[in-house]
C-alpha cells in the first residue's frame, strides 16, 4: 500500500493553479509543484494542515491510500 497526496487532482477540480495556491498559502511554488508530483516521499504535517485550510478540505480528502497494483495500472 502507498499513500498518495491528491493535491494535483483537487486543484484541477477547483480550477486553481499551483501558483494561485502557493500565493494563497505564502509558500514557494516549487514546494506546491513537488507536492503535486508522484515523487513525494515526505511532507510536514503542518504543510498538509495548511493545504487543507487553504482549500477548505479535510485531510482524508487530500491523502488516500493506493493499492500498488492499481497505481502501476495508472502509469
N, C-alpha and C. Protein backbone atom coordinates (compact mmCIF):
# COMPACT_ATOMS: atom_id res chain seq x y z
N UNK A 1 0.85 -1.19 0.00
CA UNK A 1 0.00 0.00 0.00
C UNK A 1 0.89 1.24 0.00
N UNK A 2 0.48 2.21 -0.80
CA UNK A 2 1.15 3.50 -0.84
C UNK A 2 0.17 4.58 -0.39
N UNK A 3 0.72 5.69 0.02
CA UNK A 3 -0.09 6.85 0.38
C UNK A 3 0.12 7.89 -0.70
N UNK A 4 -0.97 8.48 -1.16
CA UNK A 4 -0.91 9.45 -2.24
C UNK A 4 -1.52 10.77 -1.80
N UNK A 5 -0.87 11.85 -2.17
CA UNK A 5 -1.40 13.20 -1.95
C UNK A 5 -2.15 13.59 -3.21
N UNK A 6 -3.42 13.89 -3.08
CA UNK A 6 -4.30 14.18 -4.22
C UNK A 6 -4.31 15.67 -4.58
N UNK A 7 -3.28 16.38 -4.29
CA UNK A 7 -3.29 17.83 -4.48
C UNK A 7 -3.51 18.22 -5.93
N UNK A 8 -2.82 17.59 -6.85
CA UNK A 8 -2.97 17.93 -8.26
C UNK A 8 -4.42 17.77 -8.72
N UNK A 9 -5.05 16.66 -8.36
CA UNK A 9 -6.43 16.41 -8.74
C UNK A 9 -7.38 17.43 -8.12
N UNK A 10 -7.16 17.75 -6.85
CA UNK A 10 -8.02 18.72 -6.17
C UNK A 10 -7.91 20.11 -6.79
N UNK A 11 -6.70 20.50 -7.15
CA UNK A 11 -6.52 21.81 -7.79
C UNK A 11 -7.23 21.84 -9.14
N UNK A 12 -7.11 20.76 -9.91
CA UNK A 12 -7.77 20.69 -11.22
C UNK A 12 -9.29 20.76 -11.06
N UNK A 13 -9.83 20.03 -10.08
CA UNK A 13 -11.28 20.03 -9.84
C UNK A 13 -11.79 21.43 -9.50
N UNK A 14 -10.97 22.20 -8.79
CA UNK A 14 -11.39 23.52 -8.33
C UNK A 14 -10.97 24.65 -9.26
N UNK A 15 -10.20 24.33 -10.29
CA UNK A 15 -9.75 25.36 -11.23
C UNK A 15 -8.75 26.32 -10.61
N UNK A 16 -7.93 25.81 -9.71
CA UNK A 16 -6.92 26.62 -9.03
C UNK A 16 -5.54 26.19 -9.53
N UNK A 17 -4.72 27.15 -9.89
CA UNK A 17 -3.37 26.81 -10.35
C UNK A 17 -2.45 26.59 -9.14
N UNK A 18 -1.36 25.92 -9.41
CA UNK A 18 -0.36 25.71 -8.35
C UNK A 18 0.15 27.06 -7.85
N UNK A 19 0.33 27.99 -8.77
CA UNK A 19 0.82 29.32 -8.39
C UNK A 19 -0.19 30.04 -7.49
N UNK A 20 -1.47 29.95 -7.84
CA UNK A 20 -2.50 30.59 -7.02
C UNK A 20 -2.49 30.01 -5.60
N UNK A 21 -2.35 28.69 -5.50
CA UNK A 21 -2.31 28.07 -4.17
C UNK A 21 -1.07 28.52 -3.41
N UNK A 22 0.06 28.57 -4.09
CA UNK A 22 1.29 28.99 -3.40
C UNK A 22 1.16 30.41 -2.87
N UNK A 23 0.52 31.29 -3.63
CA UNK A 23 0.31 32.66 -3.16
C UNK A 23 -0.66 32.69 -1.99
N UNK A 24 -1.72 31.89 -2.08
CA UNK A 24 -2.72 31.82 -1.01
C UNK A 24 -2.10 31.32 0.29
N UNK A 25 -1.13 30.40 0.15
CA UNK A 25 -0.51 29.79 1.33
C UNK A 25 0.78 30.47 1.75
N UNK A 26 1.26 31.43 0.94
CA UNK A 26 2.54 32.07 1.19
C UNK A 26 3.65 31.00 1.25
N UNK A 27 3.67 30.17 0.23
CA UNK A 27 4.62 29.06 0.16
C UNK A 27 5.29 29.10 -1.22
N UNK A 28 6.50 28.59 -1.28
CA UNK A 28 7.22 28.58 -2.55
C UNK A 28 6.47 27.75 -3.60
N UNK A 29 6.35 28.26 -4.83
CA UNK A 29 5.70 27.49 -5.89
C UNK A 29 6.36 26.13 -6.12
N UNK A 30 7.67 26.04 -5.94
CA UNK A 30 8.37 24.77 -6.13
C UNK A 30 7.89 23.72 -5.13
N UNK A 31 7.53 24.15 -3.93
CA UNK A 31 7.03 23.22 -2.92
C UNK A 31 5.68 22.66 -3.35
N UNK A 32 4.80 23.51 -3.82
CA UNK A 32 3.49 23.07 -4.29
C UNK A 32 3.67 22.15 -5.49
N UNK A 33 4.56 22.52 -6.41
CA UNK A 33 4.81 21.68 -7.58
C UNK A 33 5.28 20.29 -7.17
N UNK A 34 6.17 20.23 -6.21
CA UNK A 34 6.66 18.93 -5.73
C UNK A 34 5.53 18.12 -5.11
N UNK A 35 4.67 18.75 -4.34
CA UNK A 35 3.56 18.04 -3.71
C UNK A 35 2.53 17.54 -4.74
N UNK A 36 2.52 18.15 -5.91
CA UNK A 36 1.62 17.71 -6.98
C UNK A 36 2.21 16.57 -7.80
N UNK A 37 3.47 16.26 -7.58
CA UNK A 37 4.13 15.19 -8.34
C UNK A 37 3.87 13.84 -7.67
N UNK A 38 4.26 12.79 -8.35
CA UNK A 38 4.12 11.45 -7.80
C UNK A 38 5.37 10.99 -7.06
N UNK A 39 6.29 11.90 -6.83
CA UNK A 39 7.56 11.51 -6.20
C UNK A 39 7.71 12.01 -4.76
N UNK A 40 6.62 12.36 -4.13
CA UNK A 40 6.67 12.85 -2.75
C UNK A 40 6.93 11.68 -1.81
N UNK A 41 7.99 11.80 -1.02
CA UNK A 41 8.26 10.73 -0.06
C UNK A 41 8.19 11.20 1.38
N UNK A 42 8.04 12.51 1.59
CA UNK A 42 7.83 13.03 2.93
C UNK A 42 7.27 14.44 2.84
N UNK A 43 6.48 14.76 3.86
CA UNK A 43 5.87 16.09 3.91
C UNK A 43 5.58 16.40 5.38
N UNK A 44 5.71 17.66 5.73
CA UNK A 44 5.41 18.08 7.09
C UNK A 44 3.90 18.05 7.33
N UNK A 45 3.51 17.63 8.50
CA UNK A 45 2.10 17.63 8.89
C UNK A 45 1.53 19.05 8.80
N UNK A 46 2.29 20.02 9.23
CA UNK A 46 1.82 21.41 9.18
C UNK A 46 1.53 21.84 7.75
N UNK A 47 2.32 21.39 6.79
CA UNK A 47 2.08 21.72 5.39
C UNK A 47 0.75 21.13 4.93
N UNK A 48 0.48 19.89 5.33
CA UNK A 48 -0.80 19.27 5.00
C UNK A 48 -1.96 20.05 5.62
N UNK A 49 -1.78 20.48 6.86
CA UNK A 49 -2.81 21.27 7.53
C UNK A 49 -3.06 22.59 6.78
N UNK A 50 -1.98 23.23 6.34
CA UNK A 50 -2.11 24.50 5.62
C UNK A 50 -2.85 24.31 4.30
N UNK A 51 -2.54 23.22 3.60
CA UNK A 51 -3.23 22.93 2.34
C UNK A 51 -4.71 22.72 2.61
N UNK A 52 -5.02 21.94 3.63
CA UNK A 52 -6.42 21.69 3.98
C UNK A 52 -7.15 22.98 4.32
N UNK A 53 -6.51 23.85 5.05
CA UNK A 53 -7.11 25.14 5.41
C UNK A 53 -7.32 26.00 4.16
N UNK A 54 -6.32 26.05 3.29
CA UNK A 54 -6.40 26.90 2.10
C UNK A 54 -7.48 26.41 1.13
N UNK A 55 -7.68 25.10 1.04
CA UNK A 55 -8.66 24.54 0.12
C UNK A 55 -9.99 24.21 0.80
N UNK A 56 -10.06 24.42 2.10
CA UNK A 56 -11.25 24.12 2.89
C UNK A 56 -11.69 22.67 2.70
N UNK A 57 -10.72 21.77 2.96
CA UNK A 57 -10.96 20.33 2.85
C UNK A 57 -10.45 19.64 4.10
N UNK A 58 -10.76 18.37 4.22
CA UNK A 58 -10.23 17.58 5.33
C UNK A 58 -9.03 16.78 4.84
N UNK A 59 -8.23 16.31 5.77
CA UNK A 59 -7.02 15.59 5.40
C UNK A 59 -7.35 14.29 4.66
N UNK A 60 -8.47 13.67 4.97
CA UNK A 60 -8.82 12.43 4.26
C UNK A 60 -9.26 12.69 2.82
N UNK A 61 -9.57 13.93 2.47
CA UNK A 61 -9.82 14.29 1.08
C UNK A 61 -8.51 14.52 0.34
N UNK A 62 -7.49 14.89 1.08
CA UNK A 62 -6.19 15.21 0.50
C UNK A 62 -5.30 13.97 0.35
N UNK A 63 -5.37 13.08 1.31
CA UNK A 63 -4.49 11.91 1.32
C UNK A 63 -5.32 10.65 1.20
N UNK A 64 -4.92 9.76 0.30
CA UNK A 64 -5.61 8.49 0.13
C UNK A 64 -4.57 7.37 0.09
N UNK A 65 -5.01 6.18 0.44
CA UNK A 65 -4.14 5.01 0.29
C UNK A 65 -4.42 4.40 -1.08
N UNK A 66 -3.35 3.93 -1.72
CA UNK A 66 -3.45 3.40 -3.06
C UNK A 66 -2.88 2.00 -3.08
N UNK A 67 -3.64 1.07 -3.62
CA UNK A 67 -3.14 -0.28 -3.83
C UNK A 67 -2.06 -0.20 -4.89
N UNK A 68 -0.90 -0.76 -4.65
CA UNK A 68 0.21 -0.64 -5.59
C UNK A 68 -0.12 -1.22 -6.95
N UNK A 69 -0.96 -2.24 -7.04
CA UNK A 69 -1.35 -2.80 -8.33
C UNK A 69 -2.16 -1.79 -9.12
N UNK A 70 -3.06 -1.07 -8.44
CA UNK A 70 -3.84 -0.03 -9.10
C UNK A 70 -2.94 1.10 -9.56
N UNK A 71 -1.96 1.46 -8.74
CA UNK A 71 -1.05 2.55 -9.05
C UNK A 71 -0.22 2.22 -10.29
N UNK A 72 0.23 1.00 -10.45
CA UNK A 72 1.01 0.58 -11.61
C UNK A 72 0.14 0.68 -12.86
N UNK A 73 -1.13 0.32 -12.75
CA UNK A 73 -2.04 0.38 -13.88
C UNK A 73 -2.28 1.82 -14.33
N UNK A 74 -2.20 2.78 -13.42
CA UNK A 74 -2.41 4.20 -13.75
C UNK A 74 -1.25 4.80 -14.53
N UNK A 75 -0.08 4.20 -14.45
CA UNK A 75 1.11 4.78 -15.09
C UNK A 75 1.18 4.49 -16.56
